Amino acid sequence: MEQNDEAKKLHEEFDMLPLLIDILKDILTAGTNEESTRVGDVSATATSLKKKYEDAARLLTSLPGIDVSLDGQQEEILRAKEQLRQKKYISTHIPLASSW
């Protein structure tokens, strides 16, 4: 359940579409008599979107390994695969001490 809550929270952190829709709605209705209010609405919604974007960017930069290049990631994957291959070989070809 905790993992589901975490996934939901992460989705909400990066879901900017509702704010974009609100901005577009405010722009489309700006031709009414309440034009000054609508401009204020657009500005407030745009500010909310900017804050949400900044929060998401901050979250991304805090992720572990974000500073590792693609080449570095690929090297780490190759090392991990080699370790796995060696462990599989050992587990299938070297008998356990208890079986002696």
PDB file of N, CA and C in Angstrom:
ATOM      1  N   MET A   1       0.828  -1.197   0.000  1.00  0.00           N
ATOM      2  CA  MET A   1       0.000   0.000   0.000  1.00  0.00           C
ATOM      3  C   MET A   1       0.868   1.255   0.000  1.00  0.00           C
ATOM      4  N   GLU A   2       1.967   1.203   0.759  1.00  0.00           N
ATOM      5  CA  GLU A   2       2.856   2.361   0.856  1.00  0.00           C
ATOM      6  C   GLU A   2       3.457   2.702  -0.508  1.00  0.00           C
ATOM      7  N   GLN A   3       3.803   1.667  -1.283  1.00  0.00           N
ATOM      8  CA  GLN A   3       4.380   1.894  -2.607  1.00  0.00           C
ATOM      9  C   GLN A   3       3.355   2.556  -3.528  1.00  0.00           C
ATOM     10  N   ASN A   4       2.089   2.167  -3.407  1.00  0.00           N
ATOM     11  CA  ASN A   4       1.026   2.761  -4.204  1.00  0.00           C
ATOM     12  C   ASN A   4       0.852   4.238  -3.860  1.00  0.00           C
ATOM     13  N   ASP A   5       0.903   4.556  -2.569  1.00  0.00           N
ATOM     14  CA  ASP A   5       0.795   5.953  -2.137  1.00  0.00           C
ATOM     15  C   ASP A   5       1.970   6.771  -2.648  1.00  0.00           C
ATOM     16  N   GLU A   6       3.156   6.163  -2.615  1.00  0.00           N
ATOM     17  CA  GLU A   6       4.352   6.855  -3.093  1.00  0.00           C
ATOM     18  C   GLU A   6       4.256   7.120  -4.596  1.00  0.00           C
ATOM     19  N   ALA A   7       3.763   6.146  -5.352  1.00  0.00           N
ATOM     20  CA  ALA A   7       3.603   6.317  -6.795  1.00  0.00           C
ATOM     21  C   ALA A   7       2.575   7.402  -7.095  1.00  0.00           C
ATOM     22  N   LYS A   8       1.500   7.434  -6.330  1.00  0.00           N
ATOM     23  CA  LYS A   8       0.465   8.452  -6.516  1.00  0.00           C
ATOM     24  C   LYS A   8       1.025   9.841  -6.230  1.00  0.00           C
ATOM     25  N   LYS A   9       1.803   9.961  -5.150  1.00  0.00           N
ATOM     26  CA  LYS A   9       2.405  11.244  -4.791  1.00  0.00           C
ATOM     27  C   LYS A   9       3.381  11.701  -5.877  1.00  0.00           C
ATOM     28  N   LEU A  10       4.169  10.766  -6.398  1.00  0.00           N
ATOM     29  CA  LEU A  10       5.120  11.099  -7.457  1.00  0.00           C
ATOM     30  C   LEU A  10       4.388  11.547  -8.718  1.00  0.00           C
ATOM     31  N   HIS A  11       3.289  10.867  -9.050  1.00  0.00           N
ATOM     32  CA  HIS A  11       2.494  11.256 -10.218  1.00  0.00           C
ATOM     33  C   HIS A  11       1.944  12.669 -10.042  1.00  0.00           C
ATOM     34  N   GLU A  12       1.432  12.961  -8.858  1.00  0.00           N
ATOM     35  CA  GLU A  12       0.884  14.295  -8.595  1.00  0.00           C
ATOM     36  C   GLU A  12       1.968  15.364  -8.692  1.00  0.00           C
ATOM     37  N   GLU A  13       3.180  15.019  -8.284  1.00  0.00           N
ATOM     38  CA  GLU A  13       4.290  15.971  -8.322  1.00  0.00           C
ATOM     39  C   GLU A  13       4.616  16.386  -9.759  1.00  0.00           C
ATOM     40  N   PHE A  14       4.474  15.455 -10.704  1.00  0.00           N
ATOM     41  CA  PHE A  14       4.848  15.733 -12.088  1.00  0.00           C
ATOM     42  C   PHE A  14       3.655  15.989 -13.006  1.00  0.00           C
ATOM     43  N   ASP A  15       2.439  15.898 -12.489  1.00  0.00           N
ATOM     44  CA  ASP A  15       1.250  16.096 -13.320  1.00  0.00           C
ATOM     45  C   ASP A  15       0.960  17.588 -13.460  1.00  0.00           C
ATOM     46  N   MET A  16       1.386  18.163 -14.568  1.00  0.00           N
ATOM     47  CA  MET A  16       1.219  19.595 -14.803  1.00  0.00           C
ATOM     48  C   MET A  16       0.090  19.888 -15.784  1.00  0.00           C
ATOM     49  N   LEU A  17      -0.465  18.851 -16.357  1.00  0.00           N
ATOM     50  CA  LEU A  17      -1.514  19.021 -17.351  1.00  0.00           C
ATOM     51  C   LEU A  17      -2.733  19.781 -16.825  1.00  0.00           C
ATOM     52  N   PRO A  18      -3.238  19.501 -15.622  1.00  0.00           N
ATOM     53  CA  PRO A  18      -4.400  20.270 -15.149  1.00  0.00           C
ATOM     54  C   PRO A  18      -4.133  21.775 -15.091  1.00  0.00           C
ATOM     55  N   LEU A  19      -2.941  22.167 -14.677  1.00  0.00           N
ATOM     56  CA  LEU A  19      -2.622  23.598 -14.635  1.00  0.00           C
ATOM     57  C   LEU A  19      -2.540  24.187 -16.041  1.00  0.00           C
ATOM     58  N   LEU A  20      -1.983  23.431 -16.976  1.00  0.00           N
ATOM     59  CA  LEU A  20      -1.932  23.911 -18.362  1.00  0.00           C
ATOM     60  C   LEU A  20      -3.339  24.080 -18.929  1.00  0.00           C
ATOM     61  N   ILE A  21      -4.214  23.143 -18.622  1.00  0.00           N
ATOM     62  CA  ILE A  21      -5.605  23.241 -19.082  1.00  0.00           C
ATOM     63  C   ILE A  21      -6.271  24.476 -18.486  1.00  0.00           C
ATOM     64  N   ASP A  22      -6.043  24.728 -17.196  1.00  0.00           N
ATOM     65  CA  ASP A  22      -6.612  25.921 -16.560  1.00  0.00           C
ATOM     66  C   ASP A  22      -6.111  27.202 -17.227  1.00  0.00           C
ATOM     67  N   ILE A  23      -4.827  27.248 -17.548  1.00  0.00           N
ATOM     68  CA  ILE A  23      -4.269  28.432 -18.218  1.00  0.00           C
ATOM     69  C   ILE A  23      -4.935  28.637 -19.570  1.00  0.00           C
ATOM     70  N   LEU A  24      -5.078  27.560 -20.341  1.00  0.00           N
ATOM     71  CA  LEU A  24      -5.712  27.677 -21.658  1.00  0.00           C
ATOM     72  C   LEU A  24      -7.174  28.101 -21.538  1.00  0.00           C
ATOM     73  N   LYS A  25      -7.888  27.559 -20.572  1.00  0.00           N
ATOM     74  CA  LYS A  25      -9.282  27.969 -20.364  1.00  0.00           C
ATOM     75  C   LYS A  25      -9.356  29.452 -20.034  1.00  0.00           C
ATOM     76  N   ASP A  26      -8.464  29.915 -19.158  1.00  0.00           N
ATOM     77  CA  ASP A  26      -8.460  31.332 -18.784  1.00  0.00           C
ATOM     78  C   ASP A  26      -8.150  32.218 -19.988  1.00  0.00           C
ATOM     79  N   ILE A  27      -7.247  31.776 -20.833  1.00  0.00           N
ATOM     80  CA  ILE A  27      -6.907  32.557 -22.031  1.00  0.00           C
ATOM     81  C   ILE A  27      -8.091  32.594 -22.995  1.00  0.00           C
ATOM     82  N   LEU A  28      -8.745  31.448 -23.184  1.00  0.00           N
ATOM     83  CA  LEU A  28      -9.869  31.384 -24.114  1.00  0.00           C
ATOM     84  C   LEU A  28     -11.053  32.225 -23.654  1.00  0.00           C
ATOM     85  N   THR A  29     -11.240  32.357 -22.362  1.00  0.00           N
ATOM     86  CA  THR A  29     -12.369  33.135 -21.856  1.00  0.00           C
ATOM     87  C   THR A  29     -11.983  34.584 -21.572  1.00  0.00           C
ATOM     88  N   ALA A  30     -10.776  34.993 -21.925  1.00  0.00           N
ATOM     89  CA  ALA A  30     -10.308  36.355 -21.629  1.00  0.00           C
ATOM     90  C   ALA A  30     -11.034  37.409 -22.465  1.00  0.00           C
ATOM     91  N   GLY A  31     -11.806  37.022 -23.448  1.00  0.00           N
ATOM     92  CA  GLY A  31     -12.518  37.983 -24.277  1.00  0.00           C
ATOM     93  C   GLY A  31     -13.787  38.510 -23.636  1.00  0.00           C
ATOM     94  N   THR A  32     -14.114  38.056 -22.455  1.00  0.00           N
ATOM     95  CA  THR A  32     -15.332  38.506 -21.784  1.00  0.00           C
ATOM     96  C   THR A  32     -15.112  39.862 -21.132  1.00  0.00           C
ATOM     97  N   ASN A  33     -16.152  40.371 -20.491  1.00  0.00           N
ATOM     98  CA  ASN A  33     -16.068  41.665 -19.804  1.00  0.00           C
ATOM     99  C   ASN A  33     -15.123  41.630 -18.611  1.00  0.00           C
ATOM    100  N   GLU A  34     -14.828  40.455 -18.113  1.00  0.00           N
ATOM    101  CA  GLU A  34     -13.965  40.319 -16.945  1.00  0.00           C
ATOM    102  C   GLU A  34     -12.509  40.150 -17.364  1.00  0.00           C
ATOM    103  N   GLU A  35     -12.111  40.835 -18.407  1.00  0.00           N
ATOM    104  CA  GLU A  35     -10.780  40.618 -18.981  1.00  0.00           C
ATOM    105  C   GLU A  35      -9.664  40.811 -17.962  1.00  0.00           C
ATOM    106  N   SER A  36      -9.759  41.834 -17.130  1.00  0.00           N
ATOM    107  CA  SER A  36      -8.687  42.072 -16.157  1.00  0.00           C
ATOM    108  C   SER A  36      -8.613  40.947 -15.128  1.00  0.00           C
ATOM    109  N   THR A  37      -9.768  40.424 -14.737  1.00  0.00           N
ATOM    110  CA  THR A  37      -9.779  39.306 -13.793  1.00  0.00           C
ATOM    111  C   THR A  37      -9.171  38.069 -14.433  1.00  0.00           C
ATOM    112  N   ARG A  38      -9.506  37.836 -15.682  1.00  0.00           N
ATOM    113  CA  ARG A  38      -8.987  36.667 -16.388  1.00  0.00           C
ATOM    114  C   ARG A  38      -7.469  36.733 -16.518  1.00  0.00           C
ATOM    115  N   VAL A  39      -6.944  37.922 -16.821  1.00  0.00           N
ATOM    116  CA  VAL A  39      -5.497  38.071 -16.920  1.00  0.00           C
ATOM    117  C   VAL A  39      -4.863  37.741 -15.576  1.00  0.00           C
ATOM    118  N   GLY A  40      -5.481  38.191 -14.503  1.00  0.00           N
ATOM    119  CA  GLY A  40      -4.994  37.852 -13.166  1.00  0.00           C
ATOM    120  C   GLY A  40      -5.055  36.363 -12.899  1.00  0.00           C
ATOM    121  N   ASP A  41      -6.139  35.712 -13.364  1.00  0.00           N
ATOM    122  CA  ASP A  41      -6.267  34.266 -13.204  1.00  0.00           C
ATOM    123  C   ASP A  41      -5.157  33.539 -13.950  1.00  0.00           C
ATOM    124  N   VAL A  42      -4.892  33.986 -15.185  1.00  0.00           N
ATOM    125  CA  VAL A  42      -3.837  33.365 -15.990  1.00  0.00           C
ATOM    126  C   VAL A  42      -2.502  33.524 -15.288  1.00  0.00           C
ATOM    127  N   SER A  43      -2.243  34.718 -14.782  1.00  0.00           N
ATOM    128  CA  SER A  43      -0.978  34.976 -14.101  1.00  0.00           C
ATOM    129  C   SER A  43      -0.831  34.100 -12.858  1.00  0.00           C
ATOM    130  N   ALA A  44      -1.887  33.987 -12.067  1.00  0.00           N
ATOM    131  CA  ALA A  44      -1.832  33.169 -10.852  1.00  0.00           C
ATOM    132  C   ALA A  44      -1.641  31.694 -11.192  1.00  0.00           C
ATOM    133  N   THR A  45      -2.354  31.224 -12.210  1.00  0.00           N
ATOM    134  CA  THR A  45      -2.229  29.825 -12.612  1.00  0.00           C
ATOM    135  C   THR A  45      -0.846  29.558 -13.187  1.00  0.00           C
ATOM    136  N   ALA A  46      -0.332  30.506 -13.966  1.00  0.00           N
ATOM    137  CA  ALA A  46       1.013  30.352 -14.524  1.00  0.00           C
ATOM    138  C   ALA A  46       2.059  30.316 -13.416  1.00  0.00           C
ATOM    139  N   THR A  47       1.860  31.114 -12.383  1.00  0.00           N
ATOM    140  CA  THR A  47       2.781  31.102 -11.243  1.00  0.00           C
ATOM    141  C   THR A  47       2.729  29.749 -10.536  1.00  0.00           C
ATOM    142  N   SER A  48       1.534  29.186 -10.397  1.00  0.00           N
ATOM    143  CA  SER A  48       1.396  27.858  -9.785  1.00  0.00           C
ATOM    144  C   SER A  48       2.098  26.798 -10.624  1.00  0.00           C
ATOM    145  N   LEU A  49       1.946  26.903 -11.939  1.00  0.00           N
ATOM    146  CA  LEU A  49       2.601  25.955 -12.839  1.00  0.00           C
ATOM    147  C   LEU A  49       4.116  26.075 -12.730  1.00  0.00           C
ATOM    148  N   LYS A  50       4.610  27.298 -12.683  1.00  0.00           N
ATOM    149  CA  LYS A  50       6.055  27.513 -12.561  1.00  0.00           C
ATOM    150  C   LYS A  50       6.575  26.902 -11.262  1.00  0.00           C
ATOM    151  N   LYS A  51       5.842  27.089 -10.163  1.00  0.00           N
ATOM    152  CA  LYS A  51       6.265  26.522  -8.878  1.00  0.00           C
ATOM    153  C   LYS A  51       6.267  24.999  -8.941  1.00  0.00           C
ATOM    154  N   LYS A  52       5.240  24.428  -9.553  1.00  0.00           N
ATOM    155  CA  LYS A  52       5.163  22.972  -9.672  1.00  0.00           C
ATOM    156  C   LYS A  52       6.331  22.446 -10.504  1.00  0.00           C
ATOM    157  N   TYR A  53       6.663  23.145 -11.582  1.00  0.00           N
ATOM    158  CA  TYR A  53       7.795  22.762 -12.425  1.00  0.00           C
ATOM    159  C   TYR A  53       9.097  22.827 -11.624  1.00  0.00           C
ATOM    160  N   GLU A  54       9.288  23.900 -10.859  1.00  0.00           N
ATOM    161  CA  GLU A  54      10.506  24.047 -10.052  1.00  0.00           C
ATOM    162  C   GLU A  54      10.602  22.950  -8.993  1.00  0.00           C
ATOM    163  N   ASP A  55       9.469  22.604  -8.372  1.00  0.00           N
ATOM    164  CA  ASP A  55       9.465  21.527  -7.376  1.00  0.00           C
ATOM    165  C   ASP A  55       9.838  20.192  -8.021  1.00  0.00           C
ATOM    166  N   ALA A  56       9.291  19.936  -9.208  1.00  0.00           N
ATOM    167  CA  ALA A  56       9.603  18.692  -9.914  1.00  0.00           C
ATOM    168  C   ALA A  56      11.082  18.655 -10.306  1.00  0.00           C
ATOM    169  N   ALA A  57      11.612  19.777 -10.781  1.00  0.00           N
ATOM    170  CA  ALA A  57      13.030  19.839 -11.152  1.00  0.00           C
ATOM    171  C   ALA A  57      13.912  19.609  -9.929  1.00  0.00           C
ATOM    172  N   ARG A  58      13.533  20.173  -8.795  1.00  0.00           N
ATOM    173  CA  ARG A  58      14.293  19.993  -7.552  1.00  0.00           C
ATOM    174  C   ARG A  58      14.265  18.517  -7.128  1.00  0.00           C
ATOM    175  N   LEU A  59      13.113  17.881  -7.270  1.00  0.00           N
ATOM    176  CA  LEU A  59      12.998  16.468  -6.933  1.00  0.00           C
ATOM    177  C   LEU A  59      13.894  15.624  -7.838  1.00  0.00           C
ATOM    178  N   LEU A  60      13.892  15.935  -9.124  1.00  0.00           N
ATOM    179  CA  LEU A  60      14.728  15.185 -10.060  1.00  0.00           C
ATOM    180  C   LEU A  60      16.211  15.323  -9.739  1.00  0.00           C
ATOM    181  N   THR A  61      16.642  16.526  -9.396  1.00  0.00           N
ATOM    182  CA  THR A  61      18.065  16.718  -9.105  1.00  0.00           C
ATOM    183  C   THR A  61      18.476  16.062  -7.796  1.00  0.00           C
ATOM    184  N   SER A  62      17.512  15.730  -6.939  1.00  0.00           N
ATOM    185  CA  SER A  62      17.845  15.080  -5.671  1.00  0.00           C
ATOM    186  C   SER A  62      17.920  13.557  -5.796  1.00  0.00           C
ATOM    187  N   LEU A  63      17.553  13.010  -6.949  1.00  0.00           N
ATOM    188  CA  LEU A  63      17.583  11.561  -7.121  1.00  0.00           C
ATOM    189  C   LEU A  63      19.018  11.052  -7.100  1.00  0.00           C
ATOM    190  N   PRO A  64      19.257   9.921  -6.434  1.00  0.00           N
ATOM    191  CA  PRO A  64      20.615   9.375  -6.418  1.00  0.00           C
ATOM    192  C   PRO A  64      21.017   8.902  -7.815  1.00  0.00           C
ATOM    193  N   GLY A  65      22.252   9.190  -8.182  1.00  0.00           N
ATOM    194  CA  GLY A  65      22.771   8.755  -9.469  1.00  0.00           C
ATOM    195  C   GLY A  65      22.439   9.674 -10.622  1.00  0.00           C
ATOM    196  N   ILE A  66      21.755  10.779 -10.345  1.00  0.00           N
ATOM    197  CA  ILE A  66      21.361  11.693 -11.420  1.00  0.00           C
ATOM    198  C   ILE A  66      22.579  12.313 -12.093  1.00  0.00           C
ATOM    199  N   ASP A  67      23.691  12.347 -11.361  1.00  0.00           N
ATOM    200  CA  ASP A  67      24.901  12.959 -11.892  1.00  0.00           C
ATOM    201  C   ASP A  67      25.752  11.986 -12.707  1.00  0.00           C
ATOM    202  N   VAL A  68      25.330  10.723 -12.811  1.00  0.00           N
ATOM    203  CA  VAL A  68      26.082   9.718 -13.554  1.00  0.00           C
ATOM    204  C   VAL A  68      25.721   9.819 -15.037  1.00  0.00           C
ATOM    205  N   SER A  69      26.742   9.850 -15.875  1.00  0.00           N
ATOM    206  CA  SER A  69      26.516   9.965 -17.319  1.00  0.00           C
ATOM    207  C   SER A  69      25.939   8.664 -17.872  1.00  0.00           C
ATOM    208  N   LEU A  70      25.471   8.721 -19.102  1.00  0.00           N
ATOM    209  CA  LEU A  70      24.936   7.529 -19.758  1.00  0.00           C
ATOM    210  C   LEU A  70      26.019   6.463 -19.867  1.00  0.00           C
ATOM    211  N   ASP A  71      27.237   6.871 -20.236  1.00  0.00           N
ATOM    212  CA  ASP A  71      28.343   5.913 -20.316  1.00  0.00           C
ATOM    213  C   ASP A  71      28.615   5.278 -18.955  1.00  0.00           C
ATOM    214  N   GLY A  72      28.586   6.086 -17.908  1.00  0.00           N
ATOM    215  CA  GLY A  72      28.798   5.568 -16.560  1.00  0.00           C
ATOM    216  C   GLY A  72      27.721   4.575 -16.160  1.00  0.00           C
ATOM    217  N   GLN A  73      26.484   4.860 -16.529  1.00  0.00           N
ATOM    218  CA  GLN A  73      25.377   3.949 -16.226  1.00  0.00           C
ATOM    219  C   GLN A  73      25.554   2.628 -16.973  1.00  0.00           C
ATOM    220  N   GLN A  74      25.952   2.721 -18.242  1.00  0.00           N
ATOM    221  CA  GLN A  74      26.144   1.508 -19.036  1.00  0.00           C
ATOM    222  C   GLN A  74      27.295   0.670 -18.487  1.00  0.00           C
ATOM    223  N   GLU A  75      28.367   1.325 -18.030  1.00  0.00           N
ATOM    224  CA  GLU A  75      29.478   0.595 -17.422  1.00  0.00           C
ATOM    225  C   GLU A  75      29.025  -0.110 -16.151  1.00  0.00           C
ATOM    226  N   GLU A  76      28.228   0.560 -15.352  1.00  0.00           N
ATOM    227  CA  GLU A  76      27.720  -0.042 -14.114  1.00  0.00           C
ATOM    228  C   GLU A  76      26.831  -1.242 -14.426  1.00  0.00           C
ATOM    229  N   ILE A  77      26.020  -1.147 -15.456  1.00  0.00           N
ATOM    230  CA  ILE A  77      25.168  -2.272 -15.865  1.00  0.00           C
ATOM    231  C   ILE A  77      26.022  -3.451 -16.294  1.00  0.00           C
ATOM    232  N   LEU A  78      27.076  -3.185 -17.077  1.00  0.00           N
ATOM    233  CA  LEU A  78      27.968  -4.260 -17.514  1.00  0.00           C
ATOM    234  C   LEU A  78      28.653  -4.924 -16.319  1.00  0.00           C
ATOM    235  N   ARG A  79      29.101  -4.124 -15.350  1.00  0.00           N
ATOM    236  CA  ARG A  79      29.730  -4.687 -14.145  1.00  0.00           C
ATOM    237  C   ARG A  79      28.740  -5.565 -13.386  1.00  0.00           C
ATOM    238  N   ALA A  80      27.525  -5.085 -13.244  1.00  0.00           N
ATOM    239  CA  ALA A  80      26.507  -5.854 -12.521  1.00  0.00           C
ATOM    240  C   ALA A  80      26.178  -7.156 -13.257  1.00  0.00           C
ATOM    241  N   LYS A  81      26.093  -7.101 -14.571  1.00  0.00           N
ATOM    242  CA  LYS A  81      25.819  -8.316 -15.354  1.00  0.00           C
ATOM    243  C   LYS A  81      26.956  -9.324 -15.204  1.00  0.00           C
ATOM    244  N   GLU A  82      28.194  -8.838 -15.210  1.00  0.00           N
ATOM    245  CA  GLU A  82      29.346  -9.727 -15.054  1.00  0.00           C
ATOM    246  C   GLU A  82      29.346 -10.367 -13.666  1.00  0.00           C
ATOM    247  N   GLN A  83      29.035  -9.594 -12.642  1.00  0.00           N
ATOM    248  CA  GLN A  83      28.950 -10.153 -11.288  1.00  0.00           C
ATOM    249  C   GLN A  83      27.860 -11.220 -11.210  1.00  0.00           C
ATOM    250  N   LEU A  84      26.731 -10.948 -11.832  1.00  0.00           N
ATOM    251  CA  LEU A  84      25.636 -11.910 -11.842  1.00  0.00           C
ATOM    252  C   LEU A  84      26.049 -13.188 -12.566  1.00  0.00           C
ATOM    253  N   ARG A  85      26.725 -13.042 -13.691  1.00  0.00           N
ATOM    254  CA  ARG A  85      27.189 -14.205 -14.450  1.00  0.00           C
ATOM    255  C   ARG A  85      28.139 -15.050 -13.602  1.00  0.00           C
ATOM    256  N   GLN A  86      29.074 -14.383 -12.912  1.00  0.00           N
ATOM    257  CA  GLN A  86      30.028 -15.101 -12.064  1.00  0.00           C
ATOM    258  C   GLN A  86      29.316 -15.823 -10.922  1.00  0.00           C
ATOM    259  N   LYS A  87      28.359 -15.180 -10.304  1.00  0.00           N
ATOM    260  CA  LYS A  87      27.634 -15.805  -9.194  1.00  0.00           C
ATOM    261  C   LYS A  87      26.815 -16.999  -9.673  1.00  0.00           C
ATOM    262  N   LYS A  88      26.219 -16.877 -10.846  1.00  0.00           N
ATOM    263  CA  LYS A  88      25.468 -18.009 -11.397  1.00  0.00           C
ATOM    264  C   LYS A  88      26.403 -19.179 -11.679  1.00  0.00           C
ATOM    265  N   TYR A  89      27.565 -18.884 -12.236  1.00  0.00           N
ATOM    266  CA  TYR A  89      28.539 -19.927 -12.545  1.00  0.00           C
ATOM    267  C   TYR A  89      28.973 -20.634 -11.266  1.00  0.00           C
ATOM    268  N   ILE A  90      29.306 -19.843 -10.250  1.00  0.00           N
ATOM    269  CA  ILE A  90      29.748 -20.419  -8.977  1.00  0.00           C
ATOM    270  C   ILE A  90      28.652 -21.283  -8.371  1.00  0.00           C
ATOM    271  N   SER A  91      27.423 -20.803  -8.411  1.00  0.00           N
ATOM    272  CA  SER A  91      26.330 -21.552  -7.783  1.00  0.00           C
ATOM    273  C   SER A  91      26.006 -22.846  -8.519  1.00  0.00           C
ATOM    274  N   THR A  92      26.323 -22.936  -9.794  1.00  0.00           N
ATOM    275  CA  THR A  92      26.006 -24.157 -10.544  1.00  0.00           C
ATOM    276  C   THR A  92      27.202 -25.086 -10.721  1.00  0.00           C
ATOM    277  N   HIS A  93      28.433 -24.583 -10.590  1.00  0.00           N
ATOM    278  CA  HIS A  93      29.608 -25.403 -10.872  1.00  0.00           C
ATOM    279  C   HIS A  93      30.466 -25.730  -9.655  1.00  0.00           C
ATOM    280  N   ILE A  94      30.284 -25.057  -8.579  1.00  0.00           N
ATOM    281  CA  ILE A  94      31.086 -25.321  -7.387  1.00  0.00           C
ATOM    282  C   ILE A  94      30.166 -25.890  -6.316  1.00  0.00           C
ATOM    283  N   PRO A  95      30.442 -27.130  -5.880  1.00  0.00           N
ATOM    284  CA  PRO A  95      29.563 -27.753  -4.882  1.00  0.00           C
ATOM    285  C   PRO A  95      29.689 -27.065  -3.525  1.00  0.00           C
ATOM    286  N   LEU A  96      28.619 -27.111  -2.781  1.00  0.00           N
ATOM    287  CA  LEU A  96      28.611 -26.544  -1.437  1.00  0.00           C
ATOM    288  C   LEU A  96      29.399 -27.447  -0.492  1.00  0.00           C
ATOM    289  N   ALA A  97      29.973 -26.874   0.534  1.00  0.00           N
ATOM    290  CA  ALA A  97      30.768 -27.635   1.497  1.00  0.00           C
ATOM    291  C   ALA A  97      29.929 -28.700   2.199  1.00  0.00           C
ATOM    292  N   SER A  98      28.648 -28.447   2.381  1.00  0.00           N
ATOM    293  CA  SER A  98      27.791 -29.409   3.081  1.00  0.00           C
ATOM    294  C   SER A  98      27.543 -30.673   2.264  1.00  0.00           C
ATOM    295  N   SER A  99      27.780 -30.626   0.963  1.00  0.00           N
ATOM    296  CA  SER A  99      27.538 -31.807   0.131  1.00  0.00           C
ATOM    297  C   SER A  99      28.775 -32.687   0.011  1.00  0.00           C
ATOM    298  N   TRP A 100      29.878 -32.337   0.669  1.00  0.00           N
ATOM    299  CA  TRP A 100      31.100 -33.160   0.610  1.00  0.00           C
ATOM    300  C   TRP A 100      31.008 -34.326   1.491  1.00  0.00           C
TER     301      TRP A 100
END
